[in-house]
């Protein structure tokens, strides 16, 4: 395992292995905090952040996400219904917000 020069204080920083990078990504995907992951693997929180941002791998090819699966008609129907409900709620929020301010009411 090679080392990388850390220019801040002249110390040598250890290179994070591919195996550790994968485990860090898995722990983050499982919902663990970045701080707890950093403590568990003996790395900095900023290293955890960088690994997660890079997709858990230094290998660009393995960092690519698989193509999204096509969604079933039932799922698409549910999504459309939820979007309609959201739009209706947004209209109500705007209406009651304007009403509270006295805009558009006959006073």
N, C-alpha and C. Protein backbone atom coordinates (compact mmCIF):
# COMPACT_ATOMS: atom_id res chain seq x y z
N UNK A 1 0.85 -1.17 0.00
CA UNK A 1 0.00 0.00 0.00
C UNK A 1 0.89 1.22 0.00
N UNK A 2 0.67 2.14 -0.93
CA UNK A 2 1.48 3.35 -1.04
C UNK A 2 0.99 4.43 -0.11
N UNK A 3 1.78 5.50 -0.01
CA UNK A 3 1.42 6.64 0.81
C UNK A 3 1.29 7.87 -0.05
N UNK A 4 0.56 8.83 0.45
CA UNK A 4 0.36 10.09 -0.24
C UNK A 4 0.85 11.19 0.66
N UNK A 5 1.61 12.15 0.12
CA UNK A 5 2.14 13.25 0.92
C UNK A 5 1.03 14.21 1.27
N UNK A 6 0.92 14.54 2.54
CA UNK A 6 -0.04 15.52 3.02
C UNK A 6 0.73 16.81 3.25
N UNK A 7 0.56 17.79 2.38
CA UNK A 7 1.33 19.01 2.41
C UNK A 7 1.06 19.92 3.59
N UNK A 8 0.00 19.72 4.37
CA UNK A 8 -0.35 20.60 5.47
C UNK A 8 0.72 20.61 6.55
N UNK A 9 1.06 19.45 7.04
CA UNK A 9 2.02 19.40 8.14
C UNK A 9 3.20 18.46 7.86
N UNK A 10 3.35 18.05 6.63
CA UNK A 10 4.47 17.22 6.25
C UNK A 10 4.31 15.75 6.59
N UNK A 11 3.17 15.35 7.10
CA UNK A 11 2.95 13.95 7.45
C UNK A 11 2.51 13.17 6.22
N UNK A 12 2.71 11.90 6.27
CA UNK A 12 2.27 11.04 5.19
C UNK A 12 0.88 10.50 5.53
N UNK A 13 -0.03 10.65 4.61
CA UNK A 13 -1.38 10.14 4.80
C UNK A 13 -1.49 8.78 4.12
N UNK A 14 -2.24 7.87 4.75
CA UNK A 14 -2.37 6.55 4.14
C UNK A 14 -3.37 6.59 3.00
N UNK A 15 -3.11 5.80 1.98
CA UNK A 15 -4.03 5.69 0.86
C UNK A 15 -5.16 4.75 1.28
N UNK A 16 -6.38 5.13 0.98
CA UNK A 16 -7.53 4.33 1.38
C UNK A 16 -7.74 3.24 0.33
N UNK A 17 -7.76 1.99 0.79
CA UNK A 17 -7.87 0.86 -0.13
C UNK A 17 -9.24 0.82 -0.79
N UNK A 18 -9.29 0.14 -1.91
CA UNK A 18 -10.54 -0.02 -2.64
C UNK A 18 -11.57 -0.75 -1.79
N UNK A 19 -11.12 -1.73 -1.03
CA UNK A 19 -12.03 -2.49 -0.16
C UNK A 19 -12.67 -1.58 0.89
N UNK A 20 -11.86 -0.73 1.52
CA UNK A 20 -12.38 0.20 2.52
C UNK A 20 -13.34 1.19 1.88
N UNK A 21 -12.99 1.66 0.69
CA UNK A 21 -13.87 2.61 -0.01
C UNK A 21 -15.25 1.98 -0.26
N UNK A 22 -15.27 0.73 -0.67
CA UNK A 22 -16.54 0.03 -0.91
C UNK A 22 -17.33 -0.13 0.39
N UNK A 23 -16.64 -0.47 1.48
CA UNK A 23 -17.31 -0.64 2.77
C UNK A 23 -17.86 0.68 3.30
N UNK A 24 -17.12 1.77 3.07
CA UNK A 24 -17.58 3.10 3.47
C UNK A 24 -18.86 3.44 2.72
N UNK A 25 -18.88 3.19 1.43
CA UNK A 25 -20.07 3.47 0.61
C UNK A 25 -21.26 2.63 1.09
N UNK A 26 -21.02 1.36 1.40
CA UNK A 26 -22.10 0.49 1.88
C UNK A 26 -22.65 0.99 3.21
N UNK A 27 -21.75 1.40 4.11
CA UNK A 27 -22.18 1.90 5.42
C UNK A 27 -23.01 3.17 5.25
N UNK A 28 -22.60 4.03 4.34
CA UNK A 28 -23.37 5.26 4.10
C UNK A 28 -24.73 4.94 3.51
N UNK A 29 -24.77 4.03 2.56
CA UNK A 29 -26.05 3.62 1.95
C UNK A 29 -26.98 3.00 2.99
N UNK A 30 -26.39 2.36 4.01
CA UNK A 30 -27.19 1.73 5.07
C UNK A 30 -27.71 2.75 6.07
N UNK A 31 -27.28 4.02 5.92
CA UNK A 31 -27.82 5.07 6.78
C UNK A 31 -26.95 5.49 7.95
N UNK A 32 -25.74 4.98 8.02
CA UNK A 32 -24.83 5.37 9.10
C UNK A 32 -24.34 6.80 8.87
N UNK A 33 -24.08 7.52 9.96
CA UNK A 33 -23.60 8.89 9.83
C UNK A 33 -22.16 8.90 9.33
N UNK A 34 -21.78 10.00 8.70
CA UNK A 34 -20.42 10.13 8.19
C UNK A 34 -19.42 10.08 9.33
N UNK A 35 -19.78 10.67 10.47
CA UNK A 35 -18.88 10.67 11.62
C UNK A 35 -18.65 9.25 12.14
N UNK A 36 -19.73 8.48 12.26
CA UNK A 36 -19.57 7.11 12.76
C UNK A 36 -18.79 6.24 11.77
N UNK A 37 -18.99 6.48 10.48
CA UNK A 37 -18.24 5.74 9.46
C UNK A 37 -16.76 6.08 9.56
N UNK A 38 -16.47 7.37 9.70
CA UNK A 38 -15.07 7.81 9.81
C UNK A 38 -14.40 7.16 11.01
N UNK A 39 -15.08 7.15 12.14
CA UNK A 39 -14.51 6.53 13.35
C UNK A 39 -14.30 5.04 13.16
N UNK A 40 -15.26 4.38 12.54
CA UNK A 40 -15.20 2.93 12.33
C UNK A 40 -14.01 2.52 11.47
N UNK A 41 -13.73 3.31 10.41
CA UNK A 41 -12.66 2.95 9.48
C UNK A 41 -11.37 3.70 9.71
N UNK A 42 -11.34 4.59 10.72
CA UNK A 42 -10.11 5.31 11.03
C UNK A 42 -9.69 6.31 9.97
N UNK A 43 -10.71 6.96 9.36
CA UNK A 43 -10.43 7.97 8.35
C UNK A 43 -11.16 9.25 8.74
N UNK A 44 -10.89 10.34 8.04
CA UNK A 44 -11.54 11.61 8.37
C UNK A 44 -12.94 11.67 7.79
N UNK A 45 -13.76 12.55 8.37
CA UNK A 45 -15.11 12.76 7.86
C UNK A 45 -15.04 13.29 6.42
N UNK A 46 -14.06 14.14 6.14
CA UNK A 46 -13.94 14.67 4.78
C UNK A 46 -13.60 13.56 3.79
N UNK A 47 -12.85 12.56 4.22
CA UNK A 47 -12.57 11.41 3.35
C UNK A 47 -13.84 10.62 3.07
N UNK A 48 -14.67 10.45 4.11
CA UNK A 48 -15.95 9.75 3.92
C UNK A 48 -16.79 10.53 2.92
N UNK A 49 -16.86 11.85 3.08
CA UNK A 49 -17.64 12.69 2.17
C UNK A 49 -17.15 12.54 0.74
N UNK A 50 -15.83 12.56 0.56
CA UNK A 50 -15.25 12.44 -0.78
C UNK A 50 -15.58 11.07 -1.39
N UNK A 51 -15.44 10.02 -0.60
CA UNK A 51 -15.71 8.67 -1.09
C UNK A 51 -17.17 8.54 -1.51
N UNK A 52 -18.08 9.06 -0.69
CA UNK A 52 -19.51 8.98 -1.01
C UNK A 52 -19.80 9.78 -2.28
N UNK A 53 -19.21 10.97 -2.39
CA UNK A 53 -19.43 11.81 -3.57
C UNK A 53 -18.92 11.12 -4.83
N UNK A 54 -17.80 10.41 -4.71
CA UNK A 54 -17.20 9.72 -5.85
C UNK A 54 -17.90 8.40 -6.17
N UNK A 55 -18.86 8.03 -5.38
CA UNK A 55 -19.61 6.81 -5.64
C UNK A 55 -19.01 5.58 -4.99
N UNK A 56 -18.11 5.76 -4.04
CA UNK A 56 -17.58 4.64 -3.29
C UNK A 56 -16.41 3.93 -3.93
N UNK A 57 -15.95 4.39 -5.07
CA UNK A 57 -14.86 3.71 -5.75
C UNK A 57 -13.95 4.70 -6.43
N UNK A 58 -12.65 4.41 -6.41
CA UNK A 58 -11.72 5.25 -7.15
C UNK A 58 -11.70 4.86 -8.61
N UNK A 59 -12.29 3.72 -8.91
CA UNK A 59 -12.37 3.25 -10.29
C UNK A 59 -13.60 3.88 -10.94
N UNK A 60 -13.40 4.71 -11.93
CA UNK A 60 -14.50 5.45 -12.56
C UNK A 60 -15.53 4.52 -13.16
N UNK A 61 -15.09 3.39 -13.69
CA UNK A 61 -16.03 2.47 -14.33
C UNK A 61 -16.98 1.86 -13.30
N UNK A 62 -16.48 1.49 -12.12
CA UNK A 62 -17.35 0.88 -11.12
C UNK A 62 -18.19 1.92 -10.40
N UNK A 63 -17.85 3.20 -10.52
CA UNK A 63 -18.61 4.26 -9.87
C UNK A 63 -19.88 4.60 -10.62
N UNK A 64 -20.01 4.13 -11.85
CA UNK A 64 -21.20 4.42 -12.64
C UNK A 64 -22.39 3.66 -12.07
N UNK A 65 -23.51 4.34 -11.98
CA UNK A 65 -24.73 3.71 -11.49
C UNK A 65 -25.35 2.89 -12.63
N UNK A 66 -26.02 1.81 -12.27
CA UNK A 66 -26.68 1.02 -13.31
C UNK A 66 -27.82 1.83 -13.91
N UNK A 67 -28.19 1.54 -15.14
CA UNK A 67 -29.29 2.29 -15.75
C UNK A 67 -30.58 2.08 -14.97
N UNK A 68 -31.42 3.10 -14.87
CA UNK A 68 -32.66 2.96 -14.11
C UNK A 68 -33.60 1.95 -14.77
N UNK A 69 -34.31 1.22 -13.94
CA UNK A 69 -35.27 0.24 -14.45
C UNK A 69 -36.52 0.97 -14.90
N UNK A 70 -37.15 0.45 -15.93
CA UNK A 70 -38.41 1.05 -16.36
C UNK A 70 -39.47 0.73 -15.30
N UNK A 71 -40.35 1.69 -15.07
CA UNK A 71 -41.33 1.52 -14.01
C UNK A 71 -42.62 0.93 -14.58
N UNK A 72 -43.27 0.15 -13.74
CA UNK A 72 -44.50 -0.50 -14.16
C UNK A 72 -45.62 0.53 -14.31
N UNK A 73 -46.64 0.20 -15.08
CA UNK A 73 -47.76 1.13 -15.24
C UNK A 73 -48.43 1.49 -13.91
N UNK A 74 -48.47 0.54 -12.99
CA UNK A 74 -49.08 0.80 -11.68
C UNK A 74 -48.30 1.87 -10.93
N UNK A 75 -46.98 1.77 -10.97
CA UNK A 75 -46.13 2.75 -10.28
C UNK A 75 -46.28 4.12 -10.94
N UNK A 76 -46.29 4.16 -12.26
CA UNK A 76 -46.47 5.42 -12.97
C UNK A 76 -47.81 6.06 -12.64
N UNK A 77 -48.86 5.23 -12.50
CA UNK A 77 -50.18 5.73 -12.16
C UNK A 77 -50.17 6.35 -10.75
N UNK A 78 -49.51 5.66 -9.81
CA UNK A 78 -49.42 6.18 -8.45
C UNK A 78 -48.63 7.49 -8.41
N UNK A 79 -47.56 7.56 -9.17
CA UNK A 79 -46.76 8.78 -9.22
C UNK A 79 -47.60 9.94 -9.76
N UNK A 80 -48.35 9.69 -10.82
CA UNK A 80 -49.20 10.74 -11.40
C UNK A 80 -50.24 11.22 -10.39
N UNK A 81 -50.83 10.29 -9.64
CA UNK A 81 -51.83 10.66 -8.63
C UNK A 81 -51.20 11.50 -7.51
N UNK A 82 -50.04 11.11 -7.07
CA UNK A 82 -49.35 11.88 -6.02
C UNK A 82 -49.01 13.28 -6.53
N UNK A 83 -48.55 13.37 -7.77
CA UNK A 83 -48.24 14.69 -8.34
C UNK A 83 -49.50 15.56 -8.42
N UNK A 84 -50.65 14.98 -8.78
CA UNK A 84 -51.90 15.74 -8.81
C UNK A 84 -52.27 16.23 -7.42
N UNK A 85 -52.09 15.37 -6.43
CA UNK A 85 -52.41 15.76 -5.05
C UNK A 85 -51.49 16.87 -4.56
N UNK A 86 -50.24 16.79 -4.93
CA UNK A 86 -49.29 17.84 -4.56
C UNK A 86 -49.69 19.17 -5.18
N UNK A 87 -50.05 19.14 -6.45
CA UNK A 87 -50.47 20.38 -7.13
C UNK A 87 -51.70 20.97 -6.46
N UNK A 88 -52.66 20.13 -6.08
CA UNK A 88 -53.86 20.62 -5.41
C UNK A 88 -53.51 21.25 -4.07
N UNK A 89 -52.62 20.63 -3.33
CA UNK A 89 -52.19 21.19 -2.04
C UNK A 89 -51.44 22.50 -2.22
N UNK A 90 -50.61 22.58 -3.25
CA UNK A 90 -49.89 23.83 -3.51
C UNK A 90 -50.88 24.96 -3.82
N UNK A 91 -51.94 24.65 -4.60
CA UNK A 91 -52.95 25.67 -4.90
C UNK A 91 -53.65 26.14 -3.62
N UNK A 92 -53.97 25.18 -2.74
CA UNK A 92 -54.62 25.55 -1.47
C UNK A 92 -53.70 26.42 -0.62
N UNK A 93 -52.44 26.08 -0.57
CA UNK A 93 -51.48 26.87 0.21
C UNK A 93 -51.41 28.29 -0.32
N UNK A 94 -51.32 28.44 -1.62
CA UNK A 94 -51.27 29.77 -2.22
C UNK A 94 -52.57 30.53 -1.96
N UNK A 95 -53.71 29.86 -2.09
CA UNK A 95 -55.00 30.50 -1.87
C UNK A 95 -55.11 31.01 -0.44
N UNK A 96 -54.83 30.13 0.53
CA UNK A 96 -54.98 30.54 1.92
C UNK A 96 -53.92 31.55 2.35
N UNK A 97 -52.75 31.47 1.75
CA UNK A 97 -51.72 32.47 2.03
C UNK A 97 -52.15 33.85 1.54
N UNK A 98 -52.70 33.90 0.33
CA UNK A 98 -53.18 35.17 -0.23
C UNK A 98 -54.39 35.67 0.56
N UNK A 99 -55.24 34.77 0.96
CA UNK A 99 -56.44 35.15 1.73
C UNK A 99 -56.05 35.74 3.08
N UNK A 100 -55.05 35.14 3.70
CA UNK A 100 -54.58 35.63 5.01
C UNK A 100 -54.02 37.03 4.88
N UNK A 101 -53.35 37.31 3.76
CA UNK A 101 -52.77 38.64 3.54
C UNK A 101 -53.81 39.63 3.03
N UNK A 102 -55.00 39.15 2.68
CA UNK A 102 -56.05 40.02 2.18
C UNK A 102 -55.97 40.28 0.70
N UNK A 103 -55.15 39.55 0.00
CA UNK A 103 -55.03 39.72 -1.44
C UNK A 103 -56.15 38.97 -2.13
N UNK A 104 -56.81 39.64 -3.04
CA UNK A 104 -57.85 38.99 -3.84
C UNK A 104 -59.15 38.74 -3.10
N UNK A 105 -59.34 39.35 -1.96
CA UNK A 105 -60.60 39.20 -1.25
C UNK A 105 -61.38 40.51 -1.30
N UNK A 106 -62.65 40.41 -1.15
CA UNK A 106 -63.50 41.60 -1.15
C UNK A 106 -63.69 42.07 0.27
N UNK A 107 -62.99 43.12 0.61
CA UNK A 107 -63.10 43.62 1.98
C UNK A 107 -63.81 44.95 2.02
